[in-house]
Amino acid sequence: MLLYLIRHGETQLNRERRLAGWTDVPLNENGRELAHVTGKALAETHFDAAFSSPLMRAFETARIILSHNTASSPDLPITIDERLKEINFGTWEALSTGKNDSELPVSHEEYKNFFINPREYHPWEGGETVDDVIKRAGDFLRDISSRPELAEANVLVAMHGLSMRAMLQHVYEDTSDFWHGRVPPNLAVNIVQARSGNYTLLEDDIVYYDESLIPDYYSTLQK
């Protein structure tokens, strides 16, 4: 099995440096445009199955990518799976993290933890821990990769930045750096080979558009 893990395209919340989490927003114009670019790049990749987070930004990304696919069935269904959702930020949902317009509570040390020591991040009221997401993403990975009917399949998985890194915690040889150097760019693709319960990373955060177009949303981490 080959799993094509794809982060969703850009949204307005991304552009505004807001914590999207479970807040359900669509792609913006740039997000759709680069999803089309990615879909064209993967047009000749035959997908046997497709899964998506229930959040519209991920589902829309999967739908656009598959709309260009010439190798797969034109009516390939996209199966929604709750385990692929982004981390829930609780009462921090949709708050701005911009350097000059931050809406985070005064005790924003946890936001620093989120990027510097994510396994030590303590969520605000109603939120999830990073370990919560690692667990549910791992459940999905083990479930899908153990299905006999998908043993030789190419599987598209549309998801989110943190949930992708959480799933890859079960794949990376070195898990000491949760973010693997950075938050995955929008429409980053990681290709994982799953065989007999073992996972191998074949492609790491590749994008099919000009990398100079990758915005830096995360350099305004408050000090």
C-alpha atoms as a PDB file:
ATOM      1  CA  MET A   1       0.000   0.000   0.000  1.00  0.00           C
ATOM      2  CA  LEU A   2       1.036   3.536  -0.759  1.00  0.00           C
ATOM      3  CA  LEU A   3      -0.599   6.289   1.288  1.00  0.00           C
ATOM      4  CA  TYR A   4      -0.568   9.796  -0.192  1.00  0.00           C
ATOM      5  CA  LEU A   5      -0.988  12.041   2.854  1.00  0.00           C
ATOM      6  CA  ILE A   6      -1.946  15.522   1.646  1.00  0.00           C
ATOM      7  CA  ARG A   7      -2.409  18.659   3.707  1.00  0.00           C
ATOM      8  CA  HIS A   8      -5.353  20.826   2.646  1.00  0.00           C
ATOM      9  CA  GLY A   9      -4.942  24.032   0.636  1.00  0.00           C
ATOM     10  CA  GLU A  10      -4.797  27.529   2.078  1.00  0.00           C
ATOM     11  CA  THR A  11      -7.799  29.055   3.859  1.00  0.00           C
ATOM     12  CA  GLN A  12      -8.557  32.585   4.970  1.00  0.00           C
ATOM     13  CA  LEU A  13      -7.872  31.542   8.560  1.00  0.00           C
ATOM     14  CA  ASN A  14      -4.383  30.434   7.511  1.00  0.00           C
ATOM     15  CA  ARG A  15      -3.787  33.764   5.824  1.00  0.00           C
ATOM     16  CA  GLU A  16      -4.987  35.642   8.914  1.00  0.00           C
ATOM     17  CA  ARG A  17      -2.791  33.510  11.192  1.00  0.00           C
ATOM     18  CA  ARG A  18      -5.756  32.132  13.092  1.00  0.00           C
ATOM     19  CA  LEU A  19      -5.970  28.750  14.817  1.00  0.00           C
ATOM     20  CA  ALA A  20      -8.354  26.831  12.578  1.00  0.00           C
ATOM     21  CA  GLY A  21      -8.550  23.497  14.408  1.00  0.00           C
ATOM     22  CA  TRP A  22     -12.106  22.198  14.108  1.00  0.00           C
ATOM     23  CA  THR A  23     -13.422  25.528  12.788  1.00  0.00           C
ATOM     24  CA  ASP A  24     -14.978  24.551   9.467  1.00  0.00           C
ATOM     25  CA  VAL A  25     -13.918  26.895   6.667  1.00  0.00           C
ATOM     26  CA  PRO A  26     -13.500  26.404   2.907  1.00  0.00           C
ATOM     27  CA  LEU A  27     -10.374  26.909   0.837  1.00  0.00           C
ATOM     28  CA  ASN A  28      -9.644  30.425  -0.334  1.00  0.00           C
ATOM     29  CA  GLU A  29      -8.912  31.247  -3.984  1.00  0.00           C
ATOM     30  CA  ASN A  30      -5.195  30.551  -3.623  1.00  0.00           C
ATOM     31  CA  GLY A  31      -5.911  27.274  -1.856  1.00  0.00           C
ATOM     32  CA  ARG A  32      -8.137  26.123  -4.710  1.00  0.00           C
ATOM     33  CA  GLU A  33      -5.653  27.219  -7.363  1.00  0.00           C
ATOM     34  CA  LEU A  34      -2.788  25.260  -5.822  1.00  0.00           C
ATOM     35  CA  ALA A  35      -5.065  22.262  -5.229  1.00  0.00           C
ATOM     36  CA  HIS A  36      -5.698  22.271  -8.977  1.00  0.00           C
ATOM     37  CA  VAL A  37      -1.929  22.392  -9.594  1.00  0.00           C
ATOM     38  CA  THR A  38      -1.454  19.432  -7.255  1.00  0.00           C
ATOM     39  CA  GLY A  39      -4.304  17.527  -8.865  1.00  0.00           C
ATOM     40  CA  LYS A  40      -2.759  17.963 -12.312  1.00  0.00           C
ATOM     41  CA  ALA A  41       0.597  16.737 -11.007  1.00  0.00           C
ATOM     42  CA  LEU A  42      -1.060  13.601  -9.609  1.00  0.00           C
ATOM     43  CA  ALA A  43      -3.430  13.124 -12.566  1.00  0.00           C
ATOM     44  CA  GLU A  44      -1.816   9.879 -13.714  1.00  0.00           C
ATOM     45  CA  THR A  45      -1.570   8.345 -10.236  1.00  0.00           C
ATOM     46  CA  HIS A  46      -4.190   5.625  -9.920  1.00  0.00           C
ATOM     47  CA  PHE A  47      -6.019   5.883  -6.604  1.00  0.00           C
ATOM     48  CA  ASP A  48      -7.943   2.868  -5.386  1.00  0.00           C
ATOM     49  CA  ALA A  49      -9.426   4.643  -2.366  1.00  0.00           C
ATOM     50  CA  ALA A  50      -9.720   8.149  -0.957  1.00  0.00           C
ATOM     51  CA  PHE A  51     -10.263   9.322   2.607  1.00  0.00           C
ATOM     52  CA  SER A  52     -10.730  12.799   4.042  1.00  0.00           C
ATOM     53  CA  SER A  53     -11.166  14.645   7.265  1.00  0.00           C
ATOM     54  CA  PRO A  54     -14.794  15.798   7.576  1.00  0.00           C
ATOM     55  CA  LEU A  55     -13.679  19.446   7.628  1.00  0.00           C
ATOM     56  CA  MET A  56     -14.547  21.135   4.348  1.00  0.00           C
ATOM     57  CA  ARG A  57     -11.052  22.451   3.635  1.00  0.00           C
ATOM     58  CA  ALA A  58      -9.710  18.897   3.498  1.00  0.00           C
ATOM     59  CA  PHE A  59     -12.694  17.430   1.651  1.00  0.00           C
ATOM     60  CA  GLU A  60     -12.606  20.224  -0.943  1.00  0.00           C
ATOM     61  CA  THR A  61      -8.889  19.601  -1.451  1.00  0.00           C
ATOM     62  CA  ALA A  62      -9.487  15.887  -2.086  1.00  0.00           C
ATOM     63  CA  ARG A  63     -12.352  16.634  -4.454  1.00  0.00           C
ATOM     64  CA  ILE A  64     -10.292  19.096  -6.520  1.00  0.00           C
ATOM     65  CA  ILE A  65      -7.310  16.751  -6.728  1.00  0.00           C
ATOM     66  CA  LEU A  66      -9.465  13.848  -7.862  1.00  0.00           C
ATOM     67  CA  SER A  67     -11.272  16.037 -10.411  1.00  0.00           C
ATOM     68  CA  HIS A  68      -8.073  16.033 -12.480  1.00  0.00           C
ATOM     69  CA  ASN A  69      -7.341  12.339 -12.110  1.00  0.00           C
ATOM     70  CA  THR A  70      -7.350  10.386 -15.350  1.00  0.00           C
ATOM     71  CA  ALA A  71      -6.148   7.093 -13.882  1.00  0.00           C
ATOM     72  CA  SER A  72      -8.791   6.465 -11.231  1.00  0.00           C
ATOM     73  CA  SER A  73     -12.486   5.730 -11.443  1.00  0.00           C
ATOM     74  CA  PRO A  74     -14.389   8.976 -12.157  1.00  0.00           C
ATOM     75  CA  ASP A  75     -16.842   8.094  -9.395  1.00  0.00           C
ATOM     76  CA  LEU A  76     -14.253   7.152  -6.760  1.00  0.00           C
ATOM     77  CA  PRO A  77     -15.904   7.963  -3.424  1.00  0.00           C
ATOM     78  CA  ILE A  78     -14.211  10.072  -0.763  1.00  0.00           C
ATOM     79  CA  THR A  79     -14.768   8.397   2.597  1.00  0.00           C
ATOM     80  CA  ILE A  80     -15.034  10.757   5.567  1.00  0.00           C
ATOM     81  CA  ASP A  81     -13.100   9.707   8.666  1.00  0.00           C
ATOM     82  CA  GLU A  82     -13.240  11.682  11.918  1.00  0.00           C
ATOM     83  CA  ARG A  83      -9.788  10.455  12.943  1.00  0.00           C
ATOM     84  CA  LEU A  84      -8.237  12.697  10.278  1.00  0.00           C
ATOM     85  CA  LYS A  85      -9.516  15.958  11.791  1.00  0.00           C
ATOM     86  CA  GLU A  86      -7.144  18.678  12.905  1.00  0.00           C
ATOM     87  CA  ILE A  87      -6.413  19.174  16.599  1.00  0.00           C
ATOM     88  CA  ASN A  88      -9.271  20.779  18.516  1.00  0.00           C
ATOM     89  CA  PHE A  89      -8.123  24.084  20.040  1.00  0.00           C
ATOM     90  CA  GLY A  90     -11.126  24.363  22.344  1.00  0.00           C
ATOM     91  CA  THR A  91     -11.800  27.980  23.318  1.00  0.00           C
ATOM     92  CA  TRP A  92      -8.764  29.048  21.290  1.00  0.00           C
ATOM     93  CA  GLU A  93     -10.542  28.123  18.049  1.00  0.00           C
ATOM     94  CA  ALA A  94     -10.194  30.814  15.324  1.00  0.00           C
ATOM     95  CA  LEU A  95      -8.224  33.197  17.570  1.00  0.00           C
ATOM     96  CA  SER A  96      -5.561  35.327  15.896  1.00  0.00           C
ATOM     97  CA  THR A  97      -1.915  34.528  16.627  1.00  0.00           C
ATOM     98  CA  GLY A  98      -0.495  37.511  14.714  1.00  0.00           C
ATOM     99  CA  LYS A  99       2.365  39.388  16.347  1.00  0.00           C
ATOM    100  CA  ASN A 100       0.453  42.671  16.364  1.00  0.00           C
ATOM    101  CA  ASP A 101      -3.122  41.439  16.758  1.00  0.00           C
ATOM    102  CA  SER A 102      -2.919  38.365  18.952  1.00  0.00           C
ATOM    103  CA  GLU A 103      -6.223  37.370  20.575  1.00  0.00           C
ATOM    104  CA  LEU A 104      -4.715  34.630  22.700  1.00  0.00           C
ATOM    105  CA  PRO A 105      -5.142  34.787  26.463  1.00  0.00           C
ATOM    106  CA  VAL A 106      -2.383  36.476  28.424  1.00  0.00           C
ATOM    107  CA  SER A 107      -0.950  33.077  29.366  1.00  0.00           C
ATOM    108  CA  HIS A 108       0.090  32.310  25.807  1.00  0.00           C
ATOM    109  CA  GLU A 109       3.081  30.209  26.933  1.00  0.00           C
ATOM    110  CA  GLU A 110       1.073  27.213  25.757  1.00  0.00           C
ATOM    111  CA  TYR A 111       1.097  28.616  22.234  1.00  0.00           C
ATOM    112  CA  LYS A 112       4.900  28.658  22.423  1.00  0.00           C
ATOM    113  CA  ASN A 113       4.783  25.071  23.673  1.00  0.00           C
ATOM    114  CA  PHE A 114       2.588  24.138  20.725  1.00  0.00           C
ATOM    115  CA  PHE A 115       5.451  24.902  18.335  1.00  0.00           C
ATOM    116  CA  ILE A 116       8.497  24.331  20.547  1.00  0.00           C
ATOM    117  CA  ASN A 117       7.482  21.429  22.839  1.00  0.00           C
ATOM    118  CA  PRO A 118       4.198  20.164  21.380  1.00  0.00           C
ATOM    119  CA  ARG A 119       4.081  17.027  23.525  1.00  0.00           C
ATOM    120  CA  GLU A 120       4.093  19.393  26.531  1.00  0.00           C
ATOM    121  CA  TYR A 121       1.340  21.616  25.140  1.00  0.00           C
ATOM    122  CA  HIS A 122      -1.665  21.823  27.489  1.00  0.00           C
ATOM    123  CA  PRO A 123      -4.860  22.710  25.617  1.00  0.00           C
ATOM    124  CA  TRP A 124      -7.184  25.501  26.544  1.00  0.00           C
ATOM    125  CA  GLU A 125     -10.665  24.590  27.751  1.00  0.00           C
ATOM    126  CA  GLY A 126     -12.307  21.950  25.557  1.00  0.00           C
ATOM    127  CA  GLY A 127      -9.222  21.274  23.446  1.00  0.00           C
ATOM    128  CA  GLU A 128      -7.165  18.196  22.610  1.00  0.00           C
ATOM    129  CA  THR A 129      -3.574  17.374  23.443  1.00  0.00           C
ATOM    130  CA  VAL A 130      -1.091  16.524  20.705  1.00  0.00           C
ATOM    131  CA  ASP A 131      -0.981  12.978  22.101  1.00  0.00           C
ATOM    132  CA  ASP A 132      -4.755  12.735  21.595  1.00  0.00           C
ATOM    133  CA  VAL A 133      -4.244  13.404  17.893  1.00  0.00           C
ATOM    134  CA  ILE A 134      -1.251  11.058  17.652  1.00  0.00           C
ATOM    135  CA  LYS A 135      -3.464   8.287  19.039  1.00  0.00           C
ATOM    136  CA  ARG A 136      -6.424   8.773  16.703  1.00  0.00           C
ATOM    137  CA  ALA A 137      -4.201   9.344  13.650  1.00  0.00           C
ATOM    138  CA  GLY A 138      -2.318   6.164  14.514  1.00  0.00           C
ATOM    139  CA  ASP A 139      -5.604   4.281  14.829  1.00  0.00           C
ATOM    140  CA  PHE A 140      -6.492   5.368  11.297  1.00  0.00           C
ATOM    141  CA  LEU A 141      -3.081   4.375   9.925  1.00  0.00           C
ATOM    142  CA  ARG A 142      -3.150   0.912  11.462  1.00  0.00           C
ATOM    143  CA  ASP A 143      -6.785   0.376  10.459  1.00  0.00           C
ATOM    144  CA  ILE A 144      -6.382   1.332   6.803  1.00  0.00           C
ATOM    145  CA  SER A 145      -3.038  -0.403   6.328  1.00  0.00           C
ATOM    146  CA  SER A 146      -4.398  -3.670   7.746  1.00  0.00           C
ATOM    147  CA  ARG A 147      -7.321  -3.948   5.323  1.00  0.00           C
ATOM    148  CA  PRO A 148      -6.606  -6.883   2.969  1.00  0.00           C
ATOM    149  CA  GLU A 149      -8.547  -5.316   0.092  1.00  0.00           C
ATOM    150  CA  LEU A 150      -6.208  -2.308   0.171  1.00  0.00           C
ATOM    151  CA  ALA A 151      -2.925  -4.214   0.529  1.00  0.00           C
ATOM    152  CA  GLU A 152      -1.686  -3.200  -2.944  1.00  0.00           C
ATOM    153  CA  ALA A 153      -3.686   0.027  -3.187  1.00  0.00           C
ATOM    154  CA  ASN A 154      -2.762   3.664  -3.684  1.00  0.00           C
ATOM    155  CA  VAL A 155      -4.742   5.610  -1.100  1.00  0.00           C
ATOM    156  CA  LEU A 156      -5.308   9.379  -1.055  1.00  0.00           C
ATOM    157  CA  VAL A 157      -5.679  10.866   2.439  1.00  0.00           C
ATOM    158  CA  ALA A 158      -6.670  14.545   2.769  1.00  0.00           C
ATOM    159  CA  MET A 159      -5.922  15.950   6.199  1.00  0.00           C
ATOM    160  CA  HIS A 160      -4.315  18.790   8.164  1.00  0.00           C
ATOM    161  CA  GLY A 161      -0.933  20.076   9.258  1.00  0.00           C
ATOM    162  CA  LEU A 162      -0.808  18.767  12.810  1.00  0.00           C
ATOM    163  CA  SER A 163      -2.838  15.620  12.151  1.00  0.00           C
ATOM    164  CA  MET A 164      -0.392  14.782   9.336  1.00  0.00           C
ATOM    165  CA  ARG A 165       2.622  15.181  11.628  1.00  0.00           C
ATOM    166  CA  ALA A 166       0.747  13.170  14.286  1.00  0.00           C
ATOM    167  CA  MET A 167       0.224  10.288  11.851  1.00  0.00           C
ATOM    168  CA  LEU A 168       3.849  10.468  10.725  1.00  0.00           C
ATOM    169  CA  GLN A 169       4.958  10.016  14.339  1.00  0.00           C
ATOM    170  CA  HIS A 170       4.162   6.368  13.614  1.00  0.00           C
ATOM    171  CA  VAL A 171       6.391   6.473  10.516  1.00  0.00           C
ATOM    172  CA  TYR A 172       9.411   8.693  11.216  1.00  0.00           C
ATOM    173  CA  GLU A 173      12.587   6.964  12.388  1.00  0.00           C
ATOM    174  CA  ASP A 174      13.368   9.978  14.579  1.00  0.00           C
ATOM    175  CA  THR A 175      10.330  11.263  16.454  1.00  0.00           C
ATOM    176  CA  SER A 176      12.173  13.697  18.721  1.00  0.00           C
ATOM    177  CA  ASP A 177      11.203  16.688  16.549  1.00  0.00           C
ATOM    178  CA  PHE A 178       7.418  16.443  16.270  1.00  0.00           C
ATOM    179  CA  TRP A 179       7.200  19.145  13.586  1.00  0.00           C
ATOM    180  CA  HIS A 180       9.975  17.517  11.526  1.00  0.00           C
ATOM    181  CA  GLY A 181      11.552  20.919  11.011  1.00  0.00           C
ATOM    182  CA  ARG A 182       8.416  22.851  10.088  1.00  0.00           C
ATOM    183  CA  VAL A 183       4.653  22.814   9.874  1.00  0.00           C
ATOM    184  CA  PRO A 184       3.926  21.042   6.557  1.00  0.00           C
ATOM    185  CA  PRO A 185       3.069  23.559   3.820  1.00  0.00           C
ATOM    186  CA  ASN A 186      -0.417  23.668   2.374  1.00  0.00           C
ATOM    187  CA  LEU A 187      -0.761  20.838  -0.172  1.00  0.00           C
ATOM    188  CA  ALA A 188       2.423  19.144   1.031  1.00  0.00           C
ATOM    189  CA  VAL A 189       2.396  15.471   0.060  1.00  0.00           C
ATOM    190  CA  ASN A 190       3.997  12.717   2.116  1.00  0.00           C
ATOM    191  CA  ILE A 191       4.026   9.263   0.548  1.00  0.00           C
ATOM    192  CA  VAL A 192       4.158   6.353   2.980  1.00  0.00           C
ATOM    193  CA  GLN A 193       4.624   2.712   2.058  1.00  0.00           C
ATOM    194  CA  ALA A 194       2.754   0.376   4.400  1.00  0.00           C
ATOM    195  CA  ARG A 195       3.699  -3.286   4.308  1.00  0.00           C
ATOM    196  CA  SER A 196       3.172  -5.990   6.931  1.00  0.00           C
ATOM    197  CA  GLY A 197       2.670  -3.459   9.700  1.00  0.00           C
ATOM    198  CA  ASN A 198       5.825  -1.534   8.825  1.00  0.00           C
ATOM    199  CA  TYR A 199       5.884   2.007   7.451  1.00  0.00           C
ATOM    200  CA  THR A 200       8.467   3.674   5.226  1.00  0.00           C
ATOM    201  CA  LEU A 201       8.467   7.350   4.237  1.00  0.00           C
ATOM    202  CA  LEU A 202       9.132   7.530   0.486  1.00  0.00           C
ATOM    203  CA  GLU A 203       8.458  11.233  -0.138  1.00  0.00           C
ATOM    204  CA  ASP A 204       8.770  13.958   2.469  1.00  0.00           C
ATOM    205  CA  ASP A 205       6.700  17.188   2.276  1.00  0.00           C
ATOM    206  CA  ILE A 206       6.893  17.508  -1.500  1.00  0.00           C
ATOM    207  CA  VAL A 207       4.894  20.255  -3.182  1.00  0.00           C
ATOM    208  CA  TYR A 208       4.030  20.484  -6.858  1.00  0.00           C
ATOM    209  CA  TYR A 209       4.101  24.263  -7.059  1.00  0.00           C
ATOM    210  CA  ASP A 210       6.882  26.846  -6.842  1.00  0.00           C
ATOM    211  CA  GLU A 211       8.207  26.631  -3.275  1.00  0.00           C
ATOM    212  CA  SER A 212       8.730  30.403  -3.264  1.00  0.00           C
ATOM    213  CA  LEU A 213       4.933  30.613  -3.004  1.00  0.00           C
ATOM    214  CA  ILE A 214       4.919  28.901   0.399  1.00  0.00           C
ATOM    215  CA  PRO A 215       3.899  31.609   2.908  1.00  0.00           C
ATOM    216  CA  ASP A 216       5.529  31.796   6.316  1.00  0.00           C
ATOM    217  CA  TYR A 217       2.560  31.885   8.699  1.00  0.00           C
ATOM    218  CA  TYR A 218       4.540  30.750  11.692  1.00  0.00           C
ATOM    219  CA  SER A 219       7.489  33.156  12.013  1.00  0.00           C
ATOM    220  CA  THR A 220       5.440  35.502  14.188  1.00  0.00           C
ATOM    221  CA  LEU A 221       5.567  33.159  17.178  1.00  0.00           C
ATOM    222  CA  GLN A 222       5.350  35.491  20.151  1.00  0.00           C
ATOM    223  CA  LYS A 223       8.437  35.782  22.326  1.00  0.00           C
END
